[in-house]
């Protein structure tokens, strides 16, 4: 069973809640903006800084997180139910799926190639992807979902015209 257990304190201390389905507003359960650590079993979860899946999205794959990067800021949780096997995204050099293109199927650092900071649009064929502004998965980031066709990165993604690293979310282990 897919589940996330969230804790109000770092290192899995304090009050906790366990969820196995989406939670659009943690405030309604008296647990909004207090998560400091968490554990994920099964498929990944996305934590949002705003209720109703708004604000910044932060992905958590299967594992234990004794400290989260943005403690006390999450207001909604969403379970990723998409098929994460065989991920594929097509990157385009120009807006509206024009110019040179690159098909990516695994974690890729674009910093050493032609496409570094040159991606202007994309199409996601399969999987859920994390797109990062800087090499090594740092800087601003965003999620790209299956079937998504984003014709122009600016101003929608807020990456300031820079995409240097991307990777697909990893599926959880079968239970």
Protein backbone atom coordinates (compact mmCIF):
# COMPACT_ATOMS: atom_id res chain seq x y z
CA UNK A 1 0.00 0.00 0.00
CA UNK A 2 1.25 3.47 -0.87
CA UNK A 3 1.46 5.77 2.12
CA UNK A 4 3.17 8.81 3.55
CA UNK A 5 3.70 9.42 7.25
CA UNK A 6 4.36 13.05 8.17
CA UNK A 7 5.80 14.36 11.44
CA UNK A 8 5.72 17.79 13.03
CA UNK A 9 9.31 17.50 14.26
CA UNK A 10 12.59 16.67 12.60
CA UNK A 11 13.89 13.11 12.97
CA UNK A 12 10.32 11.70 13.06
CA UNK A 13 9.53 13.36 16.38
CA UNK A 14 6.27 14.80 17.67
CA UNK A 15 2.76 14.37 16.35
CA UNK A 16 2.33 12.36 13.16
CA UNK A 17 -0.33 11.55 10.58
CA UNK A 18 -0.43 8.78 7.99
CA UNK A 19 -2.12 9.18 4.60
CA UNK A 20 -2.79 6.77 1.74
CA UNK A 21 -4.69 9.14 -0.55
CA UNK A 22 -4.49 12.76 -1.71
CA UNK A 23 -4.94 15.52 0.88
CA UNK A 24 -5.92 18.80 -0.81
CA UNK A 25 -5.73 20.86 2.40
CA UNK A 26 -3.76 19.74 5.45
CA UNK A 27 -5.13 22.72 7.40
CA UNK A 28 -8.56 21.04 7.44
CA UNK A 29 -6.90 18.16 9.33
CA UNK A 30 -5.05 20.52 11.68
CA UNK A 31 -1.71 19.54 10.16
CA UNK A 32 -0.96 22.35 7.70
CA UNK A 33 2.41 24.09 7.60
CA UNK A 34 3.93 21.90 10.32
CA UNK A 35 5.66 19.00 8.53
CA UNK A 36 9.37 18.75 9.37
CA UNK A 37 10.10 15.09 8.50
CA UNK A 38 8.38 12.26 6.64
CA UNK A 39 8.48 8.64 5.46
CA UNK A 40 7.24 7.40 2.08
CA UNK A 41 6.31 3.79 1.29
CA UNK A 42 5.54 2.85 -2.31
CA UNK A 43 4.92 5.41 -5.04
CA UNK A 44 6.24 9.01 -4.75
CA UNK A 45 4.26 11.85 -3.16
CA UNK A 46 4.21 15.53 -4.07
CA UNK A 47 4.00 18.09 -1.23
CA UNK A 48 2.69 21.54 -2.15
CA UNK A 49 3.26 24.81 -0.29
CA UNK A 50 -0.33 25.91 -0.95
CA UNK A 51 -3.67 24.19 -0.41
CA UNK A 52 -5.45 22.57 -3.38
CA UNK A 53 -2.10 21.58 -4.94
CA UNK A 54 -0.97 25.17 -5.50
CA UNK A 55 2.40 26.77 -4.82
CA UNK A 56 5.79 25.11 -5.04
CA UNK A 57 5.79 21.35 -5.57
CA UNK A 58 8.33 19.12 -3.80
CA UNK A 59 8.70 15.44 -4.74
CA UNK A 60 9.42 12.72 -2.19
CA UNK A 61 10.25 9.24 -3.43
CA UNK A 62 10.20 6.07 -1.36
CA UNK A 63 12.42 6.48 1.69
CA UNK A 64 12.87 8.31 4.97
CA UNK A 65 13.40 12.07 5.20
CA UNK A 66 14.50 13.03 8.75
CA UNK A 67 14.48 16.69 7.64
CA UNK A 68 12.63 18.22 4.69
CA UNK A 69 14.06 21.06 2.62
CA UNK A 70 11.15 23.42 3.38
CA UNK A 71 10.06 22.56 6.94
CA UNK A 72 6.70 23.82 8.13
CA UNK A 73 5.57 24.94 4.68
CA UNK A 74 3.48 22.12 3.18
CA UNK A 75 -0.28 22.51 2.84
CA UNK A 76 -1.30 19.68 0.48
CA UNK A 77 -0.15 16.15 -0.43
CA UNK A 78 -0.70 14.25 -3.68
CA UNK A 79 0.11 10.59 -4.37
CA UNK A 80 1.68 10.00 -7.79
CA UNK A 81 -0.40 7.24 -9.40
CA UNK A 82 1.02 7.60 -12.92
CA UNK A 83 3.00 4.79 -14.50
CA UNK A 84 6.64 5.70 -13.89
CA UNK A 85 8.16 2.84 -15.91
CA UNK A 86 9.96 3.69 -19.15
CA UNK A 87 9.85 7.51 -18.80
CA UNK A 88 10.29 9.70 -21.86
CA UNK A 89 10.27 13.45 -22.47
CA UNK A 90 11.06 15.37 -25.66
CA UNK A 91 12.83 18.72 -25.26
CA UNK A 92 12.72 21.42 -27.93
CA UNK A 93 15.14 24.25 -28.55
CA UNK A 94 12.45 26.81 -29.38
CA UNK A 95 8.91 27.58 -28.22
CA UNK A 96 5.98 25.74 -29.79
CA UNK A 97 7.95 22.51 -30.27
CA UNK A 98 10.25 24.01 -32.91
CA UNK A 99 13.98 23.77 -33.58
CA UNK A 100 16.32 21.00 -32.56
CA UNK A 101 14.88 18.33 -30.29
CA UNK A 102 16.22 15.82 -27.82
CA UNK A 103 14.45 12.71 -26.50
CA UNK A 104 15.41 11.91 -22.90
CA UNK A 105 14.65 8.63 -21.10
CA UNK A 106 16.83 8.86 -17.98
CA UNK A 107 18.40 11.36 -15.60
CA UNK A 108 20.39 13.81 -17.71
CA UNK A 109 22.74 16.68 -16.97
CA UNK A 110 22.36 19.06 -19.92
CA UNK A 111 25.21 21.31 -18.72
CA UNK A 112 27.79 19.63 -20.94
CA UNK A 113 25.83 19.57 -24.16
CA UNK A 114 24.06 21.62 -26.78
CA UNK A 115 20.76 21.84 -24.88
CA UNK A 116 22.09 23.45 -21.69
CA UNK A 117 19.93 26.54 -20.99
CA UNK A 118 18.43 26.27 -24.50
CA UNK A 119 15.22 24.31 -23.88
CA UNK A 120 12.11 26.38 -24.62
CA UNK A 121 9.31 23.76 -24.79
CA UNK A 122 8.66 20.08 -24.06
CA UNK A 123 6.28 17.15 -24.46
CA UNK A 124 6.07 14.40 -21.83
CA UNK A 125 5.34 11.01 -23.34
CA UNK A 126 5.68 8.91 -20.17
CA UNK A 127 6.59 9.33 -16.53
CA UNK A 128 6.70 12.34 -14.21
CA UNK A 129 9.81 14.50 -14.57
CA UNK A 130 11.67 16.88 -12.28
CA UNK A 131 13.16 19.80 -14.24
CA UNK A 132 15.97 21.77 -12.58
CA UNK A 133 17.40 25.18 -13.34
CA UNK A 134 21.02 24.26 -12.52
CA UNK A 135 23.29 21.22 -13.00
CA UNK A 136 23.17 18.54 -10.35
CA UNK A 137 19.50 19.09 -9.60
CA UNK A 138 19.82 22.45 -7.87
CA UNK A 139 18.13 25.83 -8.16
CA UNK A 140 14.48 26.32 -9.02
CA UNK A 141 12.63 23.23 -10.10
CA UNK A 142 9.26 22.17 -11.44
CA UNK A 143 7.34 19.02 -12.33
CA UNK A 144 6.33 17.82 -15.79
CA UNK A 145 3.41 15.36 -15.94
CA UNK A 146 2.51 12.64 -18.50
CA UNK A 147 0.76 14.07 -21.54
CA UNK A 148 1.93 17.60 -20.75
CA UNK A 149 2.70 19.74 -23.80
CA UNK A 150 4.27 22.97 -22.65
CA UNK A 151 4.69 25.19 -25.72
CA UNK A 152 6.66 27.98 -24.05
CA UNK A 153 8.74 27.89 -20.85
CA UNK A 154 8.59 31.59 -20.13
CA UNK A 155 6.94 32.82 -18.01
CA UNK A 156 5.17 29.61 -16.92
CA UNK A 157 8.06 27.69 -15.38
CA UNK A 158 10.04 30.47 -13.77
CA UNK A 159 13.36 28.89 -14.73
CA UNK A 160 14.57 32.17 -16.29
CA UNK A 161 15.20 30.40 -19.59
CA UNK A 162 17.45 27.82 -17.98
CA UNK A 163 17.06 24.06 -17.83
CA UNK A 164 20.28 22.24 -17.00
CA UNK A 165 19.22 18.99 -15.33
CA UNK A 166 16.23 16.66 -15.44
CA UNK A 167 15.26 13.29 -14.07
CA UNK A 168 12.20 11.09 -13.94
CA UNK A 169 10.56 10.19 -10.64
CA UNK A 170 11.42 6.65 -9.60
CA UNK A 171 8.62 4.18 -8.90
CA UNK A 172 8.35 2.67 -5.44
CA UNK A 173 9.11 -0.98 -4.81
CA UNK A 174 6.15 -3.35 -5.25
CA UNK A 175 4.68 -4.36 -1.89
